[in-house]
């Protein structure tokens, strides 16, 4: 370090001496030296002006590790995937998707923070850099892929119609849904299913999945459509609910749940996340069953 300072001082002294003497050698060497300095300065300025993205997943693994924490967006009202659970008086967000979040963050070597919000606002929050990724049973539809990158699918299941027991004699088959009102979580896979596969029914959009229970209990809808696991939990928590045998499969790009990430997410980051998903996917069914059995129905009704 001392040698470098000394060299700089000596170089400065030499330049001042040569300039004062007005030597021809100084005149000849100055333009060349100035050009080199200008080139170096230009490169330095260019490096300074080169801005990294505000999105940490776009900037790569090193940026993620340097930040030390990822902010995960989800709607904690989709049991058994993510939901509020009172554990010894403490409100916790638990579920099979939380298991996946923990595995991914452990692999990345970072902590995580959960932001609980309406499902319909998740993508907007991702685009606004208010969250780093979405893990909330979100299907990677073509429309969503225009505004976000997606991981591989980590979980798939069928979707069932749940009704009030008072309608058990009138709603038994898909044909019986004609003219009926079906409650769906807004912007969810279930909404796509109603649009595409149950056009004979009237769709009622509901922002919060837990409000589906309220609507069905109050008989403001004739039925609701949810994934099979959520349907089971809703029926356990509400004795007046009946899960029918009317089921649907998601089609095309609405099939399954995947992780949403900012557009332009670093490919190495995607590889790490998809590697964790590949390891976790065979375990997800077990996690789902665990939370179905573990949860006190009174806490999700």
Protein backbone atom coordinates (compact mmCIF):
# COMPACT_ATOMS: atom_id res chain seq x y z
CA UNK A 1 0.00 0.00 0.00
CA UNK A 2 2.88 2.40 0.88
CA UNK A 3 4.67 1.60 -2.36
CA UNK A 4 1.55 2.46 -4.35
CA UNK A 5 1.18 5.85 -2.62
CA UNK A 6 4.87 6.61 -3.10
CA UNK A 7 4.68 5.74 -6.79
CA UNK A 8 1.70 8.05 -7.26
CA UNK A 9 3.53 10.91 -5.54
CA UNK A 10 6.66 10.39 -7.63
CA UNK A 11 4.64 10.19 -10.84
CA UNK A 12 2.85 13.42 -9.99
CA UNK A 13 6.15 15.16 -9.25
CA UNK A 14 7.64 14.02 -12.55
CA UNK A 15 4.62 15.28 -14.49
CA UNK A 16 4.83 18.70 -12.81
CA UNK A 17 8.56 18.95 -13.51
CA UNK A 18 8.15 18.00 -17.15
CA UNK A 19 5.29 20.43 -17.62
CA UNK A 20 7.30 23.28 -16.05
CA UNK A 21 10.30 22.60 -18.27
CA UNK A 22 8.14 22.48 -21.39
CA UNK A 23 10.21 19.58 -22.72
CA UNK A 24 9.36 18.11 -26.09
CA UNK A 25 9.35 14.66 -24.52
CA UNK A 26 6.55 15.72 -22.22
CA UNK A 27 4.61 17.15 -25.12
CA UNK A 28 4.90 13.92 -27.06
CA UNK A 29 4.05 11.59 -24.19
CA UNK A 30 1.18 13.58 -22.70
CA UNK A 31 -1.34 12.92 -25.48
CA UNK A 32 -0.69 9.16 -25.32
CA UNK A 33 -0.91 9.13 -21.56
CA UNK A 34 -4.02 11.28 -21.60
CA UNK A 35 -5.68 8.91 -24.09
CA UNK A 36 -4.99 5.93 -21.87
CA UNK A 37 -6.28 7.77 -18.85
CA UNK A 38 -9.37 8.85 -20.74
CA UNK A 39 -10.02 5.27 -21.84
CA UNK A 40 -9.58 3.98 -18.30
CA UNK A 41 -11.81 6.74 -16.93
CA UNK A 42 -14.46 5.99 -19.55
CA UNK A 43 -14.45 2.31 -18.59
CA UNK A 44 -14.73 3.25 -14.93
CA UNK A 45 -17.65 5.58 -15.60
CA UNK A 46 -19.33 2.94 -17.73
CA UNK A 47 -19.01 0.43 -14.92
CA UNK A 48 -20.53 2.94 -12.50
CA UNK A 49 -23.40 3.69 -14.86
CA UNK A 50 -24.16 0.01 -15.36
CA UNK A 51 -27.09 -0.44 -12.98
CA UNK A 52 -28.08 -3.77 -11.57
CA UNK A 53 -31.74 -4.72 -11.46
CA UNK A 54 -33.77 -3.89 -8.38
CA UNK A 55 -34.97 -7.50 -8.39
CA UNK A 56 -32.58 -9.63 -6.36
CA UNK A 57 -33.51 -12.88 -8.16
CA UNK A 58 -32.56 -11.25 -11.46
CA UNK A 59 -29.15 -10.30 -10.09
CA UNK A 60 -28.19 -13.88 -9.27
CA UNK A 61 -27.14 -16.14 -6.42
CA UNK A 62 -24.45 -13.83 -5.02
CA UNK A 63 -26.94 -10.97 -4.76
CA UNK A 64 -29.42 -13.23 -2.97
CA UNK A 65 -26.80 -14.37 -0.46
CA UNK A 66 -25.65 -10.79 0.08
CA UNK A 67 -29.23 -9.68 0.80
CA UNK A 68 -29.60 -12.58 3.21
CA UNK A 69 -33.39 -12.73 3.11
CA UNK A 70 -36.18 -13.29 0.59
CA UNK A 71 -39.62 -11.76 0.92
CA UNK A 72 -42.26 -14.31 -0.07
CA UNK A 73 -45.74 -13.24 -1.14
CA UNK A 74 -48.73 -15.51 -0.53
CA UNK A 75 -52.34 -15.52 0.57
CA UNK A 76 -52.49 -17.44 3.83
CA UNK A 77 -56.08 -18.57 3.38
CA UNK A 78 -55.61 -21.66 1.21
CA UNK A 79 -55.46 -24.66 3.55
CA UNK A 80 -53.65 -27.00 3.63
CA UNK A 81 -51.09 -25.19 1.46
CA UNK A 82 -50.79 -21.90 3.38
CA UNK A 83 -53.06 -20.75 6.19
CA UNK A 84 -53.13 -19.19 9.64
CA UNK A 85 -52.90 -21.65 12.51
CA UNK A 86 -53.16 -20.82 16.21
CA UNK A 87 -50.38 -22.74 17.94
CA UNK A 88 -50.45 -22.35 21.74
CA UNK A 89 -51.94 -18.90 21.38
CA UNK A 90 -49.54 -17.82 18.64
CA UNK A 91 -50.78 -17.09 15.13
CA UNK A 92 -48.53 -18.90 12.65
CA UNK A 93 -48.65 -19.32 8.89
CA UNK A 94 -48.17 -22.99 8.08
CA UNK A 95 -48.82 -25.44 5.27
CA UNK A 96 -47.20 -27.57 2.59
CA UNK A 97 -46.08 -24.52 0.60
CA UNK A 98 -44.26 -23.23 3.70
CA UNK A 99 -42.30 -26.49 3.74
CA UNK A 100 -41.24 -25.76 0.16
CA UNK A 101 -40.29 -22.17 1.03
CA UNK A 102 -38.12 -23.37 3.91
CA UNK A 103 -36.36 -25.92 1.70
CA UNK A 104 -35.61 -23.35 -1.02
CA UNK A 105 -34.31 -20.73 1.41
CA UNK A 106 -32.19 -23.35 3.19
CA UNK A 107 -30.62 -24.30 -0.14
CA UNK A 108 -29.97 -20.63 -0.96
CA UNK A 109 -28.60 -20.00 2.52
CA UNK A 110 -30.99 -17.17 3.37
CA UNK A 111 -33.86 -16.40 5.71
CA UNK A 112 -37.36 -15.55 4.58
CA UNK A 113 -40.15 -13.15 5.43
CA UNK A 114 -43.78 -13.77 4.50
CA UNK A 115 -46.11 -11.07 3.23
CA UNK A 116 -49.73 -12.18 3.49
CA UNK A 117 -51.98 -10.44 0.96
CA UNK A 118 -54.93 -10.88 -1.37
CA UNK A 119 -54.24 -13.40 -4.12
CA UNK A 120 -55.30 -10.93 -6.82
CA UNK A 121 -52.58 -8.49 -5.72
CA UNK A 122 -49.66 -10.91 -5.67
CA UNK A 123 -48.42 -10.46 -9.24
CA UNK A 124 -48.69 -6.67 -9.02
CA UNK A 125 -46.61 -6.75 -5.82
CA UNK A 126 -44.02 -8.96 -7.54
CA UNK A 127 -43.75 -6.54 -10.46
CA UNK A 128 -43.45 -3.60 -8.07
CA UNK A 129 -40.58 -5.35 -6.26
CA UNK A 130 -42.51 -5.44 -2.99
CA UNK A 131 -41.90 -9.19 -2.81
CA UNK A 132 -39.14 -11.38 -4.26
CA UNK A 133 -41.28 -14.37 -5.28
CA UNK A 134 -44.76 -15.85 -4.98
CA UNK A 135 -45.39 -19.27 -3.41
CA UNK A 136 -49.17 -19.48 -3.16
CA UNK A 137 -50.52 -22.42 -5.18
CA UNK A 138 -50.34 -20.26 -8.30
CA UNK A 139 -50.79 -21.87 -11.73
CA UNK A 140 -48.29 -20.76 -14.41
CA UNK A 141 -50.87 -19.66 -16.97
CA UNK A 142 -49.80 -18.14 -20.26
CA UNK A 143 -51.25 -14.79 -19.24
CA UNK A 144 -49.25 -14.77 -16.01
CA UNK A 145 -46.08 -15.78 -17.86
CA UNK A 146 -46.25 -12.48 -19.71
CA UNK A 147 -45.48 -10.71 -16.44
CA UNK A 148 -43.46 -13.25 -14.48
CA UNK A 149 -41.09 -16.20 -14.80
CA UNK A 150 -42.20 -19.51 -13.30
CA UNK A 151 -40.51 -22.52 -11.78
CA UNK A 152 -41.38 -26.10 -12.61
CA UNK A 153 -44.74 -27.28 -11.28
CA UNK A 154 -44.39 -28.56 -7.72
CA UNK A 155 -47.92 -29.86 -7.00
CA UNK A 156 -50.99 -31.03 -8.95
CA UNK A 157 -54.48 -32.17 -7.96
CA UNK A 158 -58.11 -32.21 -9.11
CA UNK A 159 -60.78 -29.65 -8.23
CA UNK A 160 -64.17 -30.44 -6.64
CA UNK A 161 -67.54 -28.77 -6.21
CA UNK A 162 -68.59 -28.39 -2.57
CA UNK A 163 -72.21 -27.58 -1.73
CA UNK A 164 -74.44 -26.92 1.29
CA UNK A 165 -76.08 -30.09 2.54
CA UNK A 166 -79.49 -28.56 1.83
CA UNK A 167 -78.68 -28.84 -1.89
CA UNK A 168 -77.50 -32.43 -1.72
CA UNK A 169 -80.63 -33.73 -3.47
CA UNK A 170 -80.54 -31.17 -6.28
CA UNK A 171 -76.84 -30.97 -7.13
CA UNK A 172 -75.38 -34.40 -7.84
CA UNK A 173 -73.90 -34.17 -11.33
CA UNK A 174 -72.22 -31.57 -13.53
CA UNK A 175 -75.48 -31.14 -15.43
CA UNK A 176 -77.15 -30.00 -12.21
CA UNK A 177 -74.89 -26.93 -12.14
CA UNK A 178 -76.78 -25.32 -15.01
CA UNK A 179 -78.10 -21.97 -13.84
CA UNK A 180 -76.41 -22.32 -10.44
CA UNK A 181 -74.00 -19.79 -8.93
CA UNK A 182 -70.49 -21.09 -8.23
CA UNK A 183 -68.16 -19.20 -5.92
CA UNK A 184 -64.53 -19.01 -7.04
CA UNK A 185 -61.40 -17.39 -5.71
CA UNK A 186 -60.70 -14.49 -8.08
CA UNK A 187 -57.86 -14.96 -10.62
CA UNK A 188 -57.30 -18.55 -9.46
CA UNK A 189 -57.12 -21.80 -11.42
CA UNK A 190 -60.66 -22.50 -10.27
CA UNK A 191 -61.89 -19.40 -12.07
CA UNK A 192 -60.36 -20.68 -15.31
CA UNK A 193 -62.06 -24.03 -14.79
CA UNK A 194 -65.49 -22.45 -14.35
CA UNK A 195 -64.96 -20.25 -17.42
CA UNK A 196 -63.84 -23.11 -19.62
CA UNK A 197 -65.58 -26.20 -18.24
CA UNK A 198 -68.74 -25.01 -16.45
CA UNK A 199 -70.10 -22.31 -18.78
CA UNK A 200 -73.67 -23.31 -17.89
CA UNK A 201 -73.15 -21.93 -14.36
CA UNK A 202 -72.86 -18.35 -13.13
CA UNK A 203 -69.48 -17.45 -11.66
CA UNK A 204 -69.14 -15.33 -8.52
CA UNK A 205 -65.63 -13.99 -7.89
CA UNK A 206 -64.47 -13.83 -4.28
CA UNK A 207 -61.15 -12.22 -3.35
CA UNK A 208 -60.28 -14.21 -0.24
CA UNK A 209 -60.52 -17.98 -0.35
CA UNK A 210 -61.72 -18.13 3.26
CA UNK A 211 -64.73 -16.01 2.27
CA UNK A 212 -65.88 -18.89 0.08
CA UNK A 213 -66.92 -20.60 3.31
CA UNK A 214 -68.88 -17.53 4.42
CA UNK A 215 -70.68 -17.30 1.08
CA UNK A 216 -71.62 -20.98 1.05
CA UNK A 217 -72.73 -20.96 4.68
CA UNK A 218 -74.98 -17.99 3.95
CA UNK A 219 -76.23 -19.73 0.79
CA UNK A 220 -75.22 -16.74 -1.31
CA UNK A 221 -73.77 -19.27 -3.75
CA UNK A 222 -75.04 -22.72 -4.67
CA UNK A 223 -71.59 -24.24 -4.56
CA UNK A 224 -67.89 -23.45 -4.46
CA UNK A 225 -65.01 -24.98 -6.38
CA UNK A 226 -61.66 -25.63 -4.70
CA UNK A 227 -58.84 -28.13 -4.96
CA UNK A 228 -59.66 -31.50 -3.45
CA UNK A 229 -57.51 -30.96 -0.35
CA UNK A 230 -59.09 -27.63 0.54
CA UNK A 231 -62.52 -29.13 -0.08
CA UNK A 232 -61.79 -31.89 2.43
CA UNK A 233 -60.74 -29.39 5.06
CA UNK A 234 -63.72 -27.13 4.49
CA UNK A 235 -66.05 -30.11 4.93
CA UNK A 236 -64.27 -31.20 8.11
CA UNK A 237 -64.63 -27.70 9.52
CA UNK A 238 -68.23 -27.21 8.39
CA UNK A 239 -70.65 -30.10 9.03
CA UNK A 240 -73.20 -28.44 6.74
CA UNK A 241 -70.86 -28.81 3.71
CA UNK A 242 -70.80 -31.76 1.33
CA UNK A 243 -68.01 -32.43 -1.15
CA UNK A 244 -69.74 -33.75 -4.26
CA UNK A 245 -68.32 -36.21 -6.77
CA UNK A 246 -68.30 -33.46 -9.39
CA UNK A 247 -64.62 -32.96 -10.18
CA UNK A 248 -62.52 -31.24 -12.82
CA UNK A 249 -58.94 -31.32 -13.99
CA UNK A 250 -57.04 -28.15 -14.74
CA UNK A 251 -56.15 -27.96 -18.41
CA UNK A 252 -53.30 -26.54 -20.43
CA UNK A 253 -51.05 -24.02 -18.72
CA UNK A 254 -53.36 -23.78 -15.69
CA UNK A 255 -52.26 -27.24 -14.57
CA UNK A 256 -50.54 -27.38 -11.19
CA UNK A 257 -48.88 -24.93 -8.82
CA UNK A 258 -45.55 -23.23 -9.50
CA UNK A 259 -43.39 -20.45 -8.03
CA UNK A 260 -43.66 -17.02 -9.67
CA UNK A 261 -40.47 -14.96 -10.00
CA UNK A 262 -39.62 -11.60 -11.60
CA UNK A 263 -39.22 -11.47 -15.36
CA UNK A 264 -35.58 -12.06 -16.27
CA UNK A 265 -34.75 -14.12 -13.17
CA UNK A 266 -31.19 -15.42 -13.35
CA UNK A 267 -31.00 -18.88 -14.95
CA UNK A 268 -28.74 -20.23 -12.21
CA UNK A 269 -31.26 -19.12 -9.61
CA UNK A 270 -34.00 -20.97 -11.51
CA UNK A 271 -31.83 -24.09 -11.66
CA UNK A 272 -31.36 -24.06 -7.88
CA UNK A 273 -35.06 -23.55 -7.24
CA UNK A 274 -36.09 -26.23 -9.73
CA UNK A 275 -33.53 -28.57 -8.18
CA UNK A 276 -35.20 -28.15 -4.79
CA UNK A 277 -38.62 -28.67 -6.38
CA UNK A 278 -37.42 -31.91 -7.98
CA UNK A 279 -36.42 -33.17 -4.53
CA UNK A 280 -39.54 -31.90 -2.79
CA UNK A 281 -42.20 -32.85 -5.34
CA UNK A 282 -42.45 -36.52 -4.25
CA UNK A 283 -42.85 -35.32 -0.64
CA UNK A 284 -45.55 -32.71 -1.26
CA UNK A 285 -48.44 -35.18 -1.12
CA UNK A 286 -47.24 -36.27 2.31
CA UNK A 287 -46.97 -32.68 3.52
CA UNK A 288 -50.48 -31.94 2.26
CA UNK A 289 -51.91 -34.97 4.07
CA UNK A 290 -50.01 -34.01 7.22
CA UNK A 291 -51.59 -30.57 7.35
CA UNK A 292 -55.05 -31.91 6.56
CA UNK A 293 -54.78 -34.23 9.57
CA UNK A 294 -52.95 -31.78 11.84
CA UNK A 295 -55.15 -28.74 11.49
CA UNK A 296 -57.94 -28.17 13.96
CA UNK A 297 -61.00 -27.65 11.72
CA UNK A 298 -62.21 -24.88 14.04
CA UNK A 299 -59.20 -22.77 13.06
CA UNK A 300 -60.00 -22.79 9.33
CA UNK A 301 -63.78 -22.49 9.27
